[in-house]
Amino acid sequence: MIVDSQTLRDAGTRLPDHLAIVARGAIAPATCARWTSGVLAARQEWTSDFDGDQFCLGRAFYTHLETDRADLYFADAEASDARVERYAPGLQAALRALLEDAVGGRVVPRAGWCGAGIHVFPSGAPVAREGGVRHFDVEGLADEHLERRAPAVTLVAMLSPPVRGGGLRLWAVLYAGDDEPDVPPADGAIVELRPGDAVLLDSYRLHQIQPFGGDRPRISATLHGAAIDAGLWECWF
């Protein structure tokens, strides 16, 4: 079940019983519009991933891990955060605040890693035509964290949805060591996100961006969080 809520406050305590918790209008639409304008104006600063199939303002760890560029990710972390702040001022702090509300604890940046980043999926590109790859958000978790199945969550905020489609499908399947579980693609539930909506999901949950149409890209911001001590979480993207 996907739960609509007015806030993400303490959503983490409800998450084990649901596919996701969605806070409608968690960010003011006017703020999303301002950040979107900044992202589009920063085209020359986008990080190209998977040969231009998708882009990011800032850097995403999983794209660099999968394309053997992890060294570049860490070398550019500080500059990456500066780029995000230059073109979307306040976004990283806003997502950290939302995450703190959700987990009910203190959230600190993960040392040496990039903070929240902004995904740009172009219209007509592979994700738009076919949807994203079904996946879990476990790439950045330490082996010991995975072994203990310690709490980890993903926060996604929609800045500018595509004209149609582009929702997030979630399955009642949690990571068990297999990156490609045999699950019928049509199963699960889809949440459609409007500008300013924020969704919190378990990082161990199988999910996928759905195909979308129209001439507008899908633009969203993401932040991951992992519990490292009682009441203390670290975040990155």
Foldseek 3Di string as FASTA:
>chain_A
DEAEDCALAQQQVVFVVDQWYKHAQQDPLVLLVQLVVLVVVVVVQWDAAPNNQKTKQADDQVRCVVVVNNVVQLVCQVVSQVRSCVRNNPPQVSVLVRVCRNNVFHEAADPSFHTKMKMWRFAPGPCQVAWFDWFFQCPPPDPVCVVVVFFKKKKKAWSAAAPDAFWKFWDPDFDDPDGDDPDPPVDGDTDDGDHNMMMMGTSRTIMITHHHHDRGIGMMMMKMWTDDDVRYIYIHD
